[in-house]
Protein backbone atom coordinates (compact mmCIF):
# COMPACT_ATOMS: atom_id res chain seq x y z
CA UNK A 1 0.70 9.32 9.73
CA UNK A 2 3.02 11.80 7.21
CA UNK A 3 1.87 11.76 4.10
CA UNK A 4 -0.06 8.02 3.94
CA UNK A 5 -3.26 8.14 3.18
CA UNK A 6 -6.22 5.70 5.15
CA UNK A 7 -8.47 4.54 2.51
CA UNK A 8 -11.89 2.35 2.26
CA UNK A 9 -14.20 0.82 0.27
CA UNK A 10 -16.16 4.49 -0.37
CA UNK A 11 -12.44 6.16 -1.67
CA UNK A 12 -10.55 3.48 -3.27
CA UNK A 13 -11.68 4.04 -6.56
CA UNK A 14 -10.64 7.90 -6.59
CA UNK A 15 -7.74 7.98 -4.09
CA UNK A 16 -6.32 4.86 -5.93
CA UNK A 17 -7.49 3.52 -9.20
CA UNK A 18 -7.92 7.79 -10.38
CA UNK A 19 -5.00 8.93 -8.85
CA UNK A 20 -3.01 9.44 -12.14
CA UNK A 21 0.57 8.15 -10.08
CA UNK A 22 1.73 5.17 -8.72
CA UNK A 23 -0.31 3.94 -5.38
CA UNK A 24 1.56 1.81 -2.97
CA UNK A 25 -1.70 0.21 -0.84
CA UNK A 26 -0.64 -1.37 2.27
CA UNK A 27 -3.41 -4.01 3.31
CA UNK A 28 -2.99 -4.12 6.94
CA UNK A 29 -4.79 -5.06 10.34
CA UNK A 30 -5.07 -3.91 13.68
CA UNK A 31 -4.14 -7.10 15.40
CA UNK A 32 -1.52 -7.58 12.36
CA UNK A 33 2.17 -7.07 14.49
CA UNK A 34 4.17 -7.27 11.50
CA UNK A 35 1.78 -4.24 9.96
CA UNK A 36 2.84 -2.56 12.66
CA UNK A 37 6.62 -2.53 12.28
CA UNK A 38 6.02 -1.56 8.20
CA UNK A 39 4.08 1.62 9.81
CA UNK A 40 7.75 3.74 10.58
CA UNK A 41 9.05 1.67 7.05
CA UNK A 42 6.30 3.22 5.10
CA UNK A 43 6.43 6.61 6.69
CA UNK A 44 10.09 6.88 5.58
CA UNK A 45 9.39 5.68 1.97
CA UNK A 46 7.15 8.15 1.96
CA UNK A 47 8.97 10.97 2.66
CA UNK A 48 11.67 9.82 0.42
CA UNK A 49 9.62 8.82 -2.61
CA UNK A 50 7.65 12.63 -2.41
CA UNK A 51 5.30 12.76 -5.33
CA UNK A 52 6.41 9.83 -7.52
CA UNK A 53 4.36 7.26 -5.46
CA UNK A 54 1.50 7.76 -3.03
CA UNK A 55 1.16 5.73 -0.22
CA UNK A 56 -2.07 4.58 1.49
CA UNK A 57 -3.13 2.28 3.77
CA UNK A 58 -6.42 -0.13 3.35
CA UNK A 59 -7.97 -1.72 6.75
CA UNK A 60 -9.00 -5.23 6.22
CA UNK A 61 -11.19 -5.92 8.96
CA UNK A 62 -13.16 -2.48 7.77
CA UNK A 63 -13.32 -3.53 4.08
CA UNK A 64 -12.92 -6.99 3.34
CA UNK A 65 -14.77 -6.44 -0.05
CA UNK A 66 -11.77 -5.15 -1.29
CA UNK A 67 -9.20 -7.42 -0.07
CA UNK A 68 -11.58 -10.59 -1.21
CA UNK A 69 -11.01 -8.29 -4.99
CA UNK A 70 -6.98 -8.17 -4.79
CA UNK A 71 -6.87 -11.89 -3.42
CA UNK A 72 -5.15 -10.65 -0.08
CA UNK A 73 -4.62 -13.75 2.26
CA UNK A 74 -1.41 -13.36 3.61
CA UNK A 75 -0.67 -9.69 5.69
CA UNK A 76 1.23 -7.70 5.20
CA UNK A 77 0.03 -7.18 1.81
CA UNK A 78 1.47 -3.86 -0.08
CA UNK A 79 0.40 -3.54 -3.79
CA UNK A 80 1.74 -0.98 -6.21
CA UNK A 81 -1.13 0.08 -8.78
CA UNK A 82 -0.14 2.00 -12.11
CA UNK A 83 -2.48 3.32 -14.30
CA UNK A 84 -5.15 1.69 -12.19
CA UNK A 85 -3.85 -1.77 -12.53
CA UNK A 86 -2.48 -3.72 -9.93
CA UNK A 87 2.03 -4.05 -10.98
CA UNK A 88 3.56 -5.32 -8.29
CA UNK A 89 2.87 -7.69 -5.19
CA UNK A 90 4.70 -7.54 -1.89
CA UNK A 91 4.32 -9.89 0.67
CA UNK A 92 5.32 -10.19 4.44
CA UNK A 93 7.35 -7.12 6.31
CA UNK A 94 10.48 -6.10 4.42
CA UNK A 95 13.31 -3.44 4.52
CA UNK A 96 12.44 -0.03 3.53
CA UNK A 97 15.84 -1.22 0.65
CA UNK A 98 13.91 -4.14 -0.64
CA UNK A 99 10.39 -2.50 -1.06
CA UNK A 100 12.28 0.32 -2.91
CA UNK A 101 14.37 -2.12 -4.93
CA UNK A 102 10.74 -4.15 -6.36
CA UNK A 103 9.21 -0.89 -7.01
CA UNK A 104 11.03 1.98 -8.50
CA UNK A 105 11.83 0.58 -12.06
CA UNK A 106 7.95 0.72 -12.25
CA UNK A 107 7.33 3.89 -10.85
């Protein structure tokens, strides 16, 4: 995946909370069909946004503690972190334009 990092409980703090810029975390699972459909959308976003926003993926099956910590109940869920705090939550599959409209004012 171009410009998209896989994060887990071992590197979440460093890659997301200490990133020094806005980070969009995609909470996903391999069995989630809409999560798979979101991959090319996120790749396009990563290319378009460049250094403005870091995009990472977190497998909830392998990192249940983080999913619970951030109250992720449905997939896909995307949470935008800024200054180490969650500032926007996006639920379900959505087109690139919708994601951009929701996160652009915050980055």
